[in-house]
Amino acid sequence: MSPSMDKSRPERAVRHRAESVAPFNTTSHRPPKVHGPLQKATSVRVMGQRMAVMAGAIAVLLGVASAAQAAEQAISSESSVQQASDASPATTEASPGQALPPEAAPEPPATETPAPAAPAAPPAAAEAPPAAPAAPAPEPAAAAPAPAAPPAPPTPVAVDDPAAAKAYAASRLASYGWGQDQMQSLSILWEKESNWRTTAVNASSGAYGIVQSLPASKMATIAPDWETNFRTQIEWGLNYIKERYGSPANALGFHYANNWY
């Protein structure tokens, strides 16, 4: 076979394949002008057909198998476009020459009234300065030592002093209304009773002191120291003579008669 004959075969095959694809172009026609979604769907359909034609031409160049596959893809794309156009809402379709109703103007967004701002919080009170540390508590003062108990008074000691006793008795006669002449009778009377001893005791009766008081505790009416103080004993004896006999001389006369007074 000559090379010229071999070159004519591809051209014949290409022409044959082009003729098999030609029916896609024979059905193309100018669609009526429509407005809105129909016009868009028609444009998409036309575009799909054009893409199918282009795919067929490319398939011729690439081979029969590739051309068939490309044709199937083009038909599938056209079917998808057709289904998409059929799914458009009927309300958006309009007959040729019918004007679509104007779209409603969007309502202006409602303005929200801003909420009143919360009142500003009052400024925090200034923190008080830290308190000064408390002064340490003073240590308790040491307890003052208890005052020493006063020394006990010495136990009075009875002193037998006849001369001092007689001198004191003589000095007290005037206070009872007597003269010094009564001192002689008084000196003899108490000499017989006790010899002017402060601690003289009568063993049989219990009479005590210079004046031989019976009981001895009677002399406590003058002072509590009647046991040791001759002055207390003399004061009690002079008062007794004054009330009972009137004078030391009368007391001595009774003693002479009774041996007691």
C-alpha atoms as a PDB file:
ATOM      1  CA  MET A   1       0.000   0.000   0.000  1.00  0.00           C
ATOM      2  CA  SER A   2       1.372   3.435  -0.990  1.00  0.00           C
ATOM      3  CA  PRO A   3       2.055   6.125   1.594  1.00  0.00           C
ATOM      4  CA  SER A   4      -0.598   8.367  -0.009  1.00  0.00           C
ATOM      5  CA  MET A   5      -3.227   5.759   0.548  1.00  0.00           C
ATOM      6  CA  ASP A   6      -2.145   5.383   4.165  1.00  0.00           C
ATOM      7  CA  LYS A   7      -2.506   9.160   4.755  1.00  0.00           C
ATOM      8  CA  SER A   8      -6.022   9.168   3.297  1.00  0.00           C
ATOM      9  CA  ARG A   9      -7.273   6.655   5.813  1.00  0.00           C
ATOM     10  CA  PRO A  10      -6.861   8.837   8.888  1.00  0.00           C
ATOM     11  CA  GLU A  11      -8.621  11.701   7.125  1.00  0.00           C
ATOM     12  CA  ARG A  12     -11.512   9.416   6.209  1.00  0.00           C
ATOM     13  CA  ALA A  13     -11.715   8.095   9.718  1.00  0.00           C
ATOM     14  CA  VAL A  14     -11.710  11.586  11.119  1.00  0.00           C
ATOM     15  CA  ARG A  15     -14.482  12.649   8.737  1.00  0.00           C
ATOM     16  CA  HIS A  16     -16.524   9.573   9.648  1.00  0.00           C
ATOM     17  CA  ARG A  17     -16.206  10.258  13.329  1.00  0.00           C
ATOM     18  CA  ALA A  18     -17.066  13.860  12.840  1.00  0.00           C
ATOM     19  CA  GLU A  19     -20.199  12.878  11.041  1.00  0.00           C
ATOM     20  CA  SER A  20     -21.193  10.569  13.921  1.00  0.00           C
ATOM     21  CA  VAL A  21     -20.940  13.506  16.283  1.00  0.00           C
ATOM     22  CA  ALA A  22     -22.685  15.886  13.943  1.00  0.00           C
ATOM     23  CA  PRO A  23     -26.190  15.115  15.223  1.00  0.00           C
ATOM     24  CA  PHE A  24     -25.348  17.055  18.362  1.00  0.00           C
ATOM     25  CA  ASN A  25     -24.935  20.173  16.204  1.00  0.00           C
ATOM     26  CA  THR A  26     -28.040  19.544  14.019  1.00  0.00           C
ATOM     27  CA  THR A  27     -30.283  19.883  17.008  1.00  0.00           C
ATOM     28  CA  SER A  28     -28.823  23.216  18.085  1.00  0.00           C
ATOM     29  CA  HIS A  29     -31.021  26.222  17.460  1.00  0.00           C
ATOM     30  CA  ARG A  30     -31.303  29.664  18.852  1.00  0.00           C
ATOM     31  CA  PRO A  31     -33.521  29.506  21.895  1.00  0.00           C
ATOM     32  CA  PRO A  32     -36.110  32.172  22.422  1.00  0.00           C
ATOM     33  CA  LYS A  33     -35.030  34.983  24.525  1.00  0.00           C
ATOM     34  CA  VAL A  34     -36.292  34.641  28.054  1.00  0.00           C
ATOM     35  CA  HIS A  35     -35.626  36.532  31.161  1.00  0.00           C
ATOM     36  CA  GLY A  36     -34.711  35.441  34.605  1.00  0.00           C
ATOM     37  CA  PRO A  37     -33.951  31.873  35.641  1.00  0.00           C
ATOM     38  CA  LEU A  38     -35.263  30.399  32.332  1.00  0.00           C
ATOM     39  CA  GLN A  39     -32.808  32.441  30.370  1.00  0.00           C
ATOM     40  CA  LYS A  40     -30.037  31.298  32.646  1.00  0.00           C
ATOM     41  CA  ALA A  41     -31.048  27.637  32.334  1.00  0.00           C
ATOM     42  CA  THR A  42     -31.178  27.903  28.538  1.00  0.00           C
ATOM     43  CA  SER A  43     -27.727  29.462  28.443  1.00  0.00           C
ATOM     44  CA  VAL A  44     -26.414  26.649  30.568  1.00  0.00           C
ATOM     45  CA  ARG A  45     -27.987  24.072  28.229  1.00  0.00           C
ATOM     46  CA  VAL A  46     -26.452  25.686  25.179  1.00  0.00           C
ATOM     47  CA  MET A  47     -23.107  25.850  26.867  1.00  0.00           C
ATOM     48  CA  GLY A  48     -23.357  22.144  27.711  1.00  0.00           C
ATOM     49  CA  GLN A  49     -24.052  21.308  24.093  1.00  0.00           C
ATOM     50  CA  ARG A  50     -21.074  23.311  23.020  1.00  0.00           C
ATOM     51  CA  MET A  51     -18.919  21.547  25.514  1.00  0.00           C
ATOM     52  CA  ALA A  52     -20.182  18.198  24.143  1.00  0.00           C
ATOM     53  CA  VAL A  53     -19.189  19.214  20.626  1.00  0.00           C
ATOM     54  CA  MET A  54     -15.762  20.268  21.808  1.00  0.00           C
ATOM     55  CA  ALA A  55     -15.393  16.999  23.709  1.00  0.00           C
ATOM     56  CA  GLY A  56     -16.326  15.046  20.590  1.00  0.00           C
ATOM     57  CA  ALA A  57     -13.724  16.850  18.548  1.00  0.00           C
ATOM     58  CA  ILE A  58     -11.108  16.160  21.199  1.00  0.00           C
ATOM     59  CA  ALA A  59     -12.185  12.502  21.290  1.00  0.00           C
ATOM     60  CA  VAL A  60     -11.640  12.255  17.512  1.00  0.00           C
ATOM     61  CA  LEU A  61      -8.080  13.363  17.979  1.00  0.00           C
ATOM     62  CA  LEU A  62      -7.460  11.054  20.963  1.00  0.00           C
ATOM     63  CA  GLY A  63      -9.189   7.945  19.650  1.00  0.00           C
ATOM     64  CA  VAL A  64     -12.475   6.237  19.374  1.00  0.00           C
ATOM     65  CA  ALA A  65     -12.510   4.978  22.959  1.00  0.00           C
ATOM     66  CA  SER A  66     -11.681   8.332  24.380  1.00  0.00           C
ATOM     67  CA  ALA A  67     -14.327   9.960  22.172  1.00  0.00           C
ATOM     68  CA  ALA A  68     -17.046   7.618  23.441  1.00  0.00           C
ATOM     69  CA  GLN A  69     -16.123   8.239  27.036  1.00  0.00           C
ATOM     70  CA  ALA A  70     -16.030  11.984  26.511  1.00  0.00           C
ATOM     71  CA  ALA A  71     -19.457  11.822  24.849  1.00  0.00           C
ATOM     72  CA  GLU A  72     -20.917   9.959  27.800  1.00  0.00           C
ATOM     73  CA  GLN A  73     -19.485  12.549  30.214  1.00  0.00           C
ATOM     74  CA  ALA A  74     -20.940  15.349  28.114  1.00  0.00           C
ATOM     75  CA  ILE A  75     -24.384  13.745  28.081  1.00  0.00           C
ATOM     76  CA  SER A  76     -24.197  13.198  31.843  1.00  0.00           C
ATOM     77  CA  SER A  77     -23.270  16.849  32.356  1.00  0.00           C
ATOM     78  CA  GLU A  78     -26.175  17.938  30.167  1.00  0.00           C
ATOM     79  CA  SER A  79     -28.578  15.760  32.188  1.00  0.00           C
ATOM     80  CA  SER A  80     -27.341  17.315  35.444  1.00  0.00           C
ATOM     81  CA  VAL A  81     -27.842  20.793  34.065  1.00  0.00           C
ATOM     82  CA  GLN A  82     -31.348  19.888  32.879  1.00  0.00           C
ATOM     83  CA  GLN A  83     -32.290  18.512  36.307  1.00  0.00           C
ATOM     84  CA  ALA A  84     -30.955  21.630  37.993  1.00  0.00           C
ATOM     85  CA  SER A  85     -33.043  23.851  35.725  1.00  0.00           C
ATOM     86  CA  ASP A  86     -36.199  21.739  36.329  1.00  0.00           C
ATOM     87  CA  ALA A  87     -35.707  22.007  40.131  1.00  0.00           C
ATOM     88  CA  SER A  88     -35.970  25.821  40.056  1.00  0.00           C
ATOM     89  CA  PRO A  89     -39.123  27.086  41.963  1.00  0.00           C
ATOM     90  CA  ALA A  90     -42.160  27.518  39.754  1.00  0.00           C
ATOM     91  CA  THR A  91     -42.863  30.910  41.206  1.00  0.00           C
ATOM     92  CA  THR A  92     -39.677  32.278  39.625  1.00  0.00           C
ATOM     93  CA  GLU A  93     -40.727  31.178  36.126  1.00  0.00           C
ATOM     94  CA  ALA A  94     -42.488  33.690  33.947  1.00  0.00           C
ATOM     95  CA  SER A  95     -43.932  33.502  30.514  1.00  0.00           C
ATOM     96  CA  PRO A  96     -42.177  35.433  27.745  1.00  0.00           C
ATOM     97  CA  GLY A  97     -43.092  39.051  27.887  1.00  0.00           C
ATOM     98  CA  GLN A  98     -44.444  38.893  31.488  1.00  0.00           C
ATOM     99  CA  ALA A  99     -42.603  41.155  33.909  1.00  0.00           C
ATOM    100  CA  LEU A 100     -41.526  39.709  37.193  1.00  0.00           C
ATOM    101  CA  PRO A 101     -42.843  41.410  40.333  1.00  0.00           C
ATOM    102  CA  PRO A 102     -40.311  43.675  41.948  1.00  0.00           C
ATOM    103  CA  GLU A 103     -38.551  42.193  44.893  1.00  0.00           C
ATOM    104  CA  ALA A 104     -39.635  43.524  48.248  1.00  0.00           C
ATOM    105  CA  ALA A 105     -37.222  45.946  49.656  1.00  0.00           C
ATOM    106  CA  PRO A 106     -35.413  44.562  52.697  1.00  0.00           C
ATOM    107  CA  GLU A 107     -36.662  45.959  55.951  1.00  0.00           C
ATOM    108  CA  PRO A 108     -34.154  48.157  57.703  1.00  0.00           C
ATOM    109  CA  PRO A 109     -32.580  46.401  60.668  1.00  0.00           C
ATOM    110  CA  ALA A 110     -34.146  47.332  63.932  1.00  0.00           C
ATOM    111  CA  THR A 111     -31.949  49.574  65.956  1.00  0.00           C
ATOM    112  CA  GLU A 112     -31.408  48.244  69.395  1.00  0.00           C
ATOM    113  CA  THR A 113     -31.643  50.784  72.152  1.00  0.00           C
ATOM    114  CA  PRO A 114     -28.371  50.591  74.035  1.00  0.00           C
ATOM    115  CA  ALA A 115     -28.868  49.518  77.607  1.00  0.00           C
ATOM    116  CA  PRO A 116     -28.062  52.226  80.136  1.00  0.00           C
ATOM    117  CA  ALA A 117     -24.570  51.946  81.336  1.00  0.00           C
ATOM    118  CA  ALA A 118     -24.240  50.582  84.831  1.00  0.00           C
ATOM    119  CA  PRO A 119     -23.337  53.259  87.338  1.00  0.00           C
ATOM    120  CA  ALA A 120     -19.704  53.370  88.022  1.00  0.00           C
ATOM    121  CA  ALA A 121     -18.799  51.601  91.191  1.00  0.00           C
ATOM    122  CA  PRO A 122     -17.863  54.017  93.957  1.00  0.00           C
ATOM    123  CA  PRO A 123     -14.164  54.202  94.483  1.00  0.00           C
ATOM    124  CA  ALA A 124     -13.036  51.775  97.065  1.00  0.00           C
ATOM    125  CA  ALA A 125     -12.522  53.336 100.407  1.00  0.00           C
ATOM    126  CA  ALA A 126      -8.964  54.074 101.043  1.00  0.00           C
ATOM    127  CA  GLU A 127      -7.490  51.306 103.020  1.00  0.00           C
ATOM    128  CA  ALA A 128      -6.929  52.296 106.581  1.00  0.00           C
ATOM    129  CA  PRO A 129      -3.268  52.463 107.462  1.00  0.00           C
ATOM    130  CA  PRO A 130      -2.124  49.413 109.342  1.00  0.00           C
ATOM    131  CA  ALA A 131      -2.658  49.821 113.025  1.00  0.00           C
ATOM    132  CA  ALA A 132       0.408  50.508 115.011  1.00  0.00           C
ATOM    133  CA  PRO A 133       1.617  47.435 116.821  1.00  0.00           C
ATOM    134  CA  ALA A 134       0.184  47.273 120.277  1.00  0.00           C
ATOM    135  CA  ALA A 135       2.566  48.260 122.968  1.00  0.00           C
ATOM    136  CA  PRO A 136       3.755  45.270 124.894  1.00  0.00           C
ATOM    137  CA  ALA A 137       1.803  44.785 128.031  1.00  0.00           C
ATOM    138  CA  PRO A 138       3.775  45.954 130.994  1.00  0.00           C
ATOM    139  CA  GLU A 139       5.079  43.167 133.063  1.00  0.00           C
ATOM    140  CA  PRO A 140       3.185  42.837 136.307  1.00  0.00           C
ATOM    141  CA  ALA A 141       4.952  44.577 139.055  1.00  0.00           C
ATOM    142  CA  ALA A 142       6.437  42.334 141.582  1.00  0.00           C
ATOM    143  CA  ALA A 143       4.147  41.968 144.495  1.00  0.00           C
ATOM    144  CA  ALA A 144       5.205  44.196 147.272  1.00  0.00           C
ATOM    145  CA  PRO A 145       6.394  42.206 150.214  1.00  0.00           C
ATOM    146  CA  ALA A 146       3.795  41.962 152.862  1.00  0.00           C
ATOM    147  CA  PRO A 147       4.508  44.367 155.643  1.00  0.00           C
ATOM    148  CA  ALA A 148       6.177  42.694 158.491  1.00  0.00           C
ATOM    149  CA  ALA A 149       3.877  42.021 161.351  1.00  0.00           C
ATOM    150  CA  PRO A 150       4.503  44.419 164.181  1.00  0.00           C
ATOM    151  CA  PRO A 151       6.412  42.802 166.921  1.00  0.00           C
ATOM    152  CA  ALA A 152       4.226  41.464 169.623  1.00  0.00           C
ATOM    153  CA  PRO A 153       4.225  43.676 172.653  1.00  0.00           C
ATOM    154  CA  PRO A 154       6.337  42.281 175.386  1.00  0.00           C
ATOM    155  CA  THR A 155       4.433  40.364 177.935  1.00  0.00           C
ATOM    156  CA  PRO A 156       3.894  42.711 180.817  1.00  0.00           C
ATOM    157  CA  VAL A 157       5.809  41.674 183.836  1.00  0.00           C
ATOM    158  CA  ALA A 158       4.326  42.419 187.199  1.00  0.00           C
ATOM    159  CA  VAL A 159       6.670  44.427 189.330  1.00  0.00           C
ATOM    160  CA  ASP A 160       6.225  44.508 193.063  1.00  0.00           C
ATOM    161  CA  ASP A 161       7.241  48.084 194.022  1.00  0.00           C
ATOM    162  CA  PRO A 162       5.525  49.079 197.301  1.00  0.00           C
ATOM    163  CA  ALA A 163       7.186  52.515 197.503  1.00  0.00           C
ATOM    164  CA  ALA A 164       6.069  53.500 193.992  1.00  0.00           C
ATOM    165  CA  ALA A 165       2.607  52.191 194.728  1.00  0.00           C
ATOM    166  CA  LYS A 166       2.309  54.266 197.906  1.00  0.00           C
ATOM    167  CA  ALA A 167       3.522  57.404 196.140  1.00  0.00           C
ATOM    168  CA  TYR A 168       0.911  56.948 193.400  1.00  0.00           C
ATOM    169  CA  ALA A 169      -1.881  56.382 195.949  1.00  0.00           C
ATOM    170  CA  ALA A 170      -0.973  59.546 197.856  1.00  0.00           C
ATOM    171  CA  SER A 171      -1.166  61.553 194.617  1.00  0.00           C
ATOM    172  CA  ARG A 172      -4.726  60.326 193.933  1.00  0.00           C
ATOM    173  CA  LEU A 173      -6.366  61.109 197.334  1.00  0.00           C
ATOM    174  CA  ALA A 174      -7.391  64.639 196.412  1.00  0.00           C
ATOM    175  CA  SER A 175      -9.258  63.413 193.283  1.00  0.00           C
ATOM    176  CA  TYR A 176     -11.591  61.471 195.612  1.00  0.00           C
ATOM    177  CA  GLY A 177     -12.057  64.424 197.989  1.00  0.00           C
ATOM    178  CA  TRP A 178      -9.730  63.300 200.747  1.00  0.00           C
ATOM    179  CA  GLY A 179      -6.852  65.028 202.453  1.00  0.00           C
ATOM    180  CA  GLN A 180      -3.396  63.631 203.004  1.00  0.00           C
ATOM    181  CA  ASP A 181      -4.385  62.643 206.577  1.00  0.00           C
ATOM    182  CA  GLN A 182      -6.223  59.705 204.997  1.00  0.00           C
ATOM    183  CA  MET A 183      -2.932  58.387 203.633  1.00  0.00           C
ATOM    184  CA  GLN A 184      -1.873  56.977 207.020  1.00  0.00           C
ATOM    185  CA  SER A 185      -5.087  54.931 207.413  1.00  0.00           C
ATOM    186  CA  LEU A 186      -4.814  53.744 203.769  1.00  0.00           C
ATOM    187  CA  SER A 187      -1.165  52.721 204.215  1.00  0.00           C
ATOM    188  CA  ILE A 188      -2.019  50.599 207.333  1.00  0.00           C
ATOM    189  CA  LEU A 189      -5.085  48.986 205.650  1.00  0.00           C
ATOM    190  CA  TRP A 190      -3.340  47.706 202.480  1.00  0.00           C
ATOM    191  CA  GLU A 191      -0.215  46.790 204.485  1.00  0.00           C
ATOM    192  CA  LYS A 192      -2.401  44.284 206.380  1.00  0.00           C
ATOM    193  CA  GLU A 193      -4.003  43.010 203.129  1.00  0.00           C
ATOM    194  CA  SER A 194      -0.968  42.596 200.767  1.00  0.00           C
ATOM    195  CA  ASN A 195       2.113  44.517 202.014  1.00  0.00           C
ATOM    196  CA  TRP A 196       1.525  46.695 198.887  1.00  0.00           C
ATOM    197  CA  ARG A 197       2.598  43.898 196.462  1.00  0.00           C
ATOM    198  CA  THR A 198       1.054  43.860 193.018  1.00  0.00           C
ATOM    199  CA  THR A 199       1.170  40.080 192.767  1.00  0.00           C
ATOM    200  CA  ALA A 200      -0.111  39.216 196.253  1.00  0.00           C
ATOM    201  CA  VAL A 201      -2.572  36.280 196.266  1.00  0.00           C
ATOM    202  CA  ASN A 202      -4.713  35.012 199.196  1.00  0.00           C
ATOM    203  CA  ALA A 203      -4.235  31.284 199.146  1.00  0.00           C
ATOM    204  CA  SER A 204      -7.562  30.538 200.870  1.00  0.00           C
ATOM    205  CA  SER A 205      -9.924  32.945 199.048  1.00  0.00           C
ATOM    206  CA  GLY A 206      -8.102  33.749 195.790  1.00  0.00           C
ATOM    207  CA  ALA A 207      -8.178  37.510 196.399  1.00  0.00           C
ATOM    208  CA  TYR A 208      -5.503  39.218 194.266  1.00  0.00           C
ATOM    209  CA  GLY A 209      -3.299  42.338 194.165  1.00  0.00           C
ATOM    210  CA  ILE A 210      -2.597  45.280 196.493  1.00  0.00           C
ATOM    211  CA  VAL A 211      -6.297  45.788 197.274  1.00  0.00           C
ATOM    212  CA  GLN A 212      -7.087  42.000 197.445  1.00  0.00           C
ATOM    213  CA  SER A 213     -10.028  42.175 195.044  1.00  0.00           C
ATOM    214  CA  LEU A 214     -12.356  39.155 195.208  1.00  0.00           C
ATOM    215  CA  PRO A 215     -12.780  38.059 192.526  1.00  0.00           C
ATOM    216  CA  ALA A 216      -9.722  39.616 190.964  1.00  0.00           C
ATOM    217  CA  SER A 217     -11.424  40.116 187.582  1.00  0.00           C
ATOM    218  CA  LYS A 218     -13.470  43.001 189.059  1.00  0.00           C
ATOM    219  CA  MET A 219     -10.438  45.207 188.522  1.00  0.00           C
ATOM    220  CA  ALA A 220     -10.846  44.760 184.712  1.00  0.00           C
ATOM    221  CA  THR A 221     -13.508  47.513 184.871  1.00  0.00           C
ATOM    222  CA  ILE A 222     -10.615  49.947 185.198  1.00  0.00           C
ATOM    223  CA  ALA A 223      -8.138  48.449 182.672  1.00  0.00           C
ATOM    224  CA  PRO A 224      -7.239  45.053 181.224  1.00  0.00           C
ATOM    225  CA  ASP A 225      -3.741  45.159 182.750  1.00  0.00           C
ATOM    226  CA  TRP A 226      -5.033  44.707 186.257  1.00  0.00           C
ATOM    227  CA  GLU A 227      -2.791  41.678 186.856  1.00  0.00           C
ATOM    228  CA  THR A 228       0.509  43.571 186.382  1.00  0.00           C
ATOM    229  CA  ASN A 229      -0.195  47.290 186.826  1.00  0.00           C
ATOM    230  CA  PHE A 230      -0.395  48.593 190.350  1.00  0.00           C
ATOM    231  CA  ARG A 231      -1.949  51.836 189.138  1.00  0.00           C
ATOM    232  CA  THR A 232      -4.996  49.956 187.809  1.00  0.00           C
ATOM    233  CA  GLN A 233      -5.305  48.092 191.118  1.00  0.00           C
ATOM    234  CA  ILE A 234      -5.034  51.311 193.192  1.00  0.00           C
ATOM    235  CA  GLU A 235      -7.675  53.119 191.118  1.00  0.00           C
ATOM    236  CA  TRP A 236     -10.115  50.266 191.597  1.00  0.00           C
ATOM    237  CA  GLY A 237      -9.376  50.078 195.404  1.00  0.00           C
ATOM    238  CA  LEU A 238      -9.854  53.838 196.035  1.00  0.00           C
ATOM    239  CA  ASN A 239     -13.173  53.778 194.142  1.00  0.00           C
ATOM    240  CA  TYR A 240     -14.335  50.741 196.168  1.00  0.00           C
ATOM    241  CA  ILE A 241     -13.499  52.464 199.545  1.00  0.00           C
ATOM    242  CA  LYS A 242     -15.257  55.667 198.424  1.00  0.00           C
ATOM    243  CA  GLU A 243     -18.494  53.827 197.561  1.00  0.00           C
ATOM    244  CA  ARG A 244     -18.463  51.284 200.446  1.00  0.00           C
ATOM    245  CA  TYR A 245     -16.973  53.179 203.436  1.00  0.00           C
ATOM    246  CA  GLY A 246     -16.625  56.812 202.415  1.00  0.00           C
ATOM    247  CA  SER A 247     -12.959  57.158 203.481  1.00  0.00           C
ATOM    248  CA  PRO A 248      -9.828  55.086 204.186  1.00  0.00           C
ATOM    249  CA  ALA A 249     -10.156  55.741 207.972  1.00  0.00           C
ATOM    250  CA  ASN A 250     -13.673  54.186 208.039  1.00  0.00           C
ATOM    251  CA  ALA A 251     -12.477  51.201 206.024  1.00  0.00           C
ATOM    252  CA  LEU A 252      -9.602  50.646 208.468  1.00  0.00           C
ATOM    253  CA  GLY A 253     -11.997  50.718 211.477  1.00  0.00           C
ATOM    254  CA  PHE A 254     -14.202  48.039 209.812  1.00  0.00           C
ATOM    255  CA  HIS A 255     -11.105  45.933 209.176  1.00  0.00           C
ATOM    256  CA  TYR A 256     -10.104  46.106 212.778  1.00  0.00           C
ATOM    257  CA  ALA A 257     -13.491  44.849 213.808  1.00  0.00           C
ATOM    258  CA  ASN A 258     -13.843  42.079 211.136  1.00  0.00           C
ATOM    259  CA  ASN A 259     -10.335  41.388 209.881  1.00  0.00           C
ATOM    260  CA  TRP A 260     -11.474  42.093 206.308  1.00  0.00           C
ATOM    261  CA  TYR A 261     -13.039  45.099 204.647  1.00  0.00           C
END
